[in-house]
Amino acid sequence: MVIRENLDLNIEEIYGRICEVLCYEKPIDNEIISKALSVKSNTVSAWRKRNTIPWDSLYVFAKKNKISFTWLIDGSGSMN
């Protein structure tokens, strides 16, 4: 399943929260995101152009980093 812009979620904010977990400052770099989600940099570039991101990649990232999936998706609640 893929998160799409019509769900009223800000995909760039999700990418920003991934960088926050990894302690990286903005601007958000595709290489950082690709390493965090275990995909190629050009895959992240394509996701950003389409304003999408796969749920399963986010779920695995959240579990791996012991953070709240809900926080990662919409920023609500606490990170942990």
C-alpha atoms as a PDB file:
ATOM      1  CA  MET A   1       0.000   0.000   0.000  1.00  0.00           C
ATOM      2  CA  VAL A   2       1.214   3.496  -0.836  1.00  0.00           C
ATOM      3  CA  ILE A   3       0.416   6.762   0.911  1.00  0.00           C
ATOM      4  CA  ARG A   4      -0.888   9.271  -1.616  1.00  0.00           C
ATOM      5  CA  GLU A   5      -1.430  12.986  -1.423  1.00  0.00           C
ATOM      6  CA  ASN A   6      -5.232  12.632  -1.376  1.00  0.00           C
ATOM      7  CA  LEU A   7      -5.063  11.342   2.214  1.00  0.00           C
ATOM      8  CA  ASP A   8      -4.238  14.865   3.414  1.00  0.00           C
ATOM      9  CA  LEU A   9      -0.834  13.725   4.663  1.00  0.00           C
ATOM     10  CA  ASN A  10       2.207  15.829   3.968  1.00  0.00           C
ATOM     11  CA  ILE A  11       4.708  13.407   2.482  1.00  0.00           C
ATOM     12  CA  GLU A  12       7.590  15.864   2.874  1.00  0.00           C
ATOM     13  CA  GLU A  13       6.796  16.109   6.591  1.00  0.00           C
ATOM     14  CA  ILE A  14       7.038  12.316   6.821  1.00  0.00           C
ATOM     15  CA  TYR A  15      10.429  12.477   5.132  1.00  0.00           C
ATOM     16  CA  GLY A  16      11.348  15.216   7.606  1.00  0.00           C
ATOM     17  CA  ARG A  17      10.396  13.016  10.560  1.00  0.00           C
ATOM     18  CA  ILE A  18      12.571  10.222   9.144  1.00  0.00           C
ATOM     19  CA  CYS A  19      15.481  12.672   9.092  1.00  0.00           C
ATOM     20  CA  GLU A  20      14.607  13.781  12.625  1.00  0.00           C
ATOM     21  CA  VAL A  21      14.839  10.183  13.846  1.00  0.00           C
ATOM     22  CA  LEU A  22      18.222   9.895  12.126  1.00  0.00           C
ATOM     23  CA  CYS A  23      19.348  13.263  13.580  1.00  0.00           C
ATOM     24  CA  TYR A  24      19.819  14.876  10.154  1.00  0.00           C
ATOM     25  CA  GLU A  25      19.060  18.503   9.460  1.00  0.00           C
ATOM     26  CA  LYS A  26      17.029  19.712   6.509  1.00  0.00           C
ATOM     27  CA  PRO A  27      17.164  19.897   3.520  1.00  0.00           C
ATOM     28  CA  ILE A  28      15.924  16.363   3.156  1.00  0.00           C
ATOM     29  CA  ASP A  29      18.339  14.345   1.075  1.00  0.00           C
ATOM     30  CA  ASN A  30      17.200  11.401  -1.066  1.00  0.00           C
ATOM     31  CA  GLU A  31      20.367   9.482  -0.188  1.00  0.00           C
ATOM     32  CA  ILE A  32      19.614   9.688   3.548  1.00  0.00           C
ATOM     33  CA  ILE A  33      16.019   8.555   3.016  1.00  0.00           C
ATOM     34  CA  SER A  34      17.085   5.746   0.686  1.00  0.00           C
ATOM     35  CA  LYS A  35      19.534   4.349   3.234  1.00  0.00           C
ATOM     36  CA  ALA A  36      16.965   4.647   6.023  1.00  0.00           C
ATOM     37  CA  LEU A  37      14.312   2.794   4.016  1.00  0.00           C
ATOM     38  CA  SER A  38      16.709   0.345   2.325  1.00  0.00           C
ATOM     39  CA  VAL A  39      15.888   1.408  -1.217  1.00  0.00           C
ATOM     40  CA  LYS A  40      17.808   3.067  -4.048  1.00  0.00           C
ATOM     41  CA  SER A  41      18.108   6.839  -4.132  1.00  0.00           C
ATOM     42  CA  ASN A  42      16.335   7.025  -7.499  1.00  0.00           C
ATOM     43  CA  THR A  43      13.385   5.161  -5.931  1.00  0.00           C
ATOM     44  CA  VAL A  44      13.029   7.898  -3.314  1.00  0.00           C
ATOM     45  CA  SER A  45      13.328  10.503  -6.060  1.00  0.00           C
ATOM     46  CA  ALA A  46      10.442   8.861  -7.924  1.00  0.00           C
ATOM     47  CA  TRP A  47       8.343   8.689  -4.733  1.00  0.00           C
ATOM     48  CA  ARG A  48       8.930  12.385  -4.107  1.00  0.00           C
ATOM     49  CA  LYS A  49       7.968  13.312  -7.667  1.00  0.00           C
ATOM     50  CA  ARG A  50       4.720  11.327  -7.270  1.00  0.00           C
ATOM     51  CA  ASN A  51       4.224  12.554  -3.681  1.00  0.00           C
ATOM     52  CA  THR A  52       3.970   8.966  -2.403  1.00  0.00           C
ATOM     53  CA  ILE A  53       5.687   6.654   0.047  1.00  0.00           C
ATOM     54  CA  PRO A  54       5.000   2.948   0.734  1.00  0.00           C
ATOM     55  CA  TRP A  55       3.343   2.161   4.063  1.00  0.00           C
ATOM     56  CA  ASP A  56       5.327  -1.034   4.485  1.00  0.00           C
ATOM     57  CA  SER A  57       8.649   0.801   4.224  1.00  0.00           C
ATOM     58  CA  LEU A  58       7.511   3.262   6.888  1.00  0.00           C
ATOM     59  CA  TYR A  59       6.279   0.471   9.150  1.00  0.00           C
ATOM     60  CA  VAL A  60       9.588  -1.399   8.939  1.00  0.00           C
ATOM     61  CA  PHE A  61      11.479   1.854   9.600  1.00  0.00           C
ATOM     62  CA  ALA A  62       9.306   2.617  12.653  1.00  0.00           C
ATOM     63  CA  LYS A  63       9.787  -0.865  14.102  1.00  0.00           C
ATOM     64  CA  LYS A  64      13.524  -0.870  13.422  1.00  0.00           C
ATOM     65  CA  ASN A  65      13.960   2.499  15.139  1.00  0.00           C
ATOM     66  CA  LYS A  66      11.446   1.784  17.939  1.00  0.00           C
ATOM     67  CA  ILE A  67       9.322   4.815  17.173  1.00  0.00           C
ATOM     68  CA  SER A  68       5.575   5.304  16.918  1.00  0.00           C
ATOM     69  CA  PHE A  69       4.196   4.514  13.468  1.00  0.00           C
ATOM     70  CA  THR A  70       1.394   7.039  14.079  1.00  0.00           C
ATOM     71  CA  TRP A  71       3.908   9.763  14.926  1.00  0.00           C
ATOM     72  CA  LEU A  72       5.897   8.933  11.799  1.00  0.00           C
ATOM     73  CA  ILE A  73       2.793   9.184   9.609  1.00  0.00           C
ATOM     74  CA  ASP A  74       1.065  12.276  10.977  1.00  0.00           C
ATOM     75  CA  GLY A  75       3.278  13.717  13.713  1.00  0.00           C
ATOM     76  CA  SER A  76       0.692  13.196  16.458  1.00  0.00           C
ATOM     77  CA  GLY A  77       1.592  11.851  19.867  1.00  0.00           C
ATOM     78  CA  SER A  78       5.141  11.180  20.955  1.00  0.00           C
ATOM     79  CA  MET A  79       7.947   9.801  18.844  1.00  0.00           C
ATOM     80  CA  ASN A  80       8.441   6.758  21.072  1.00  0.00           C
END
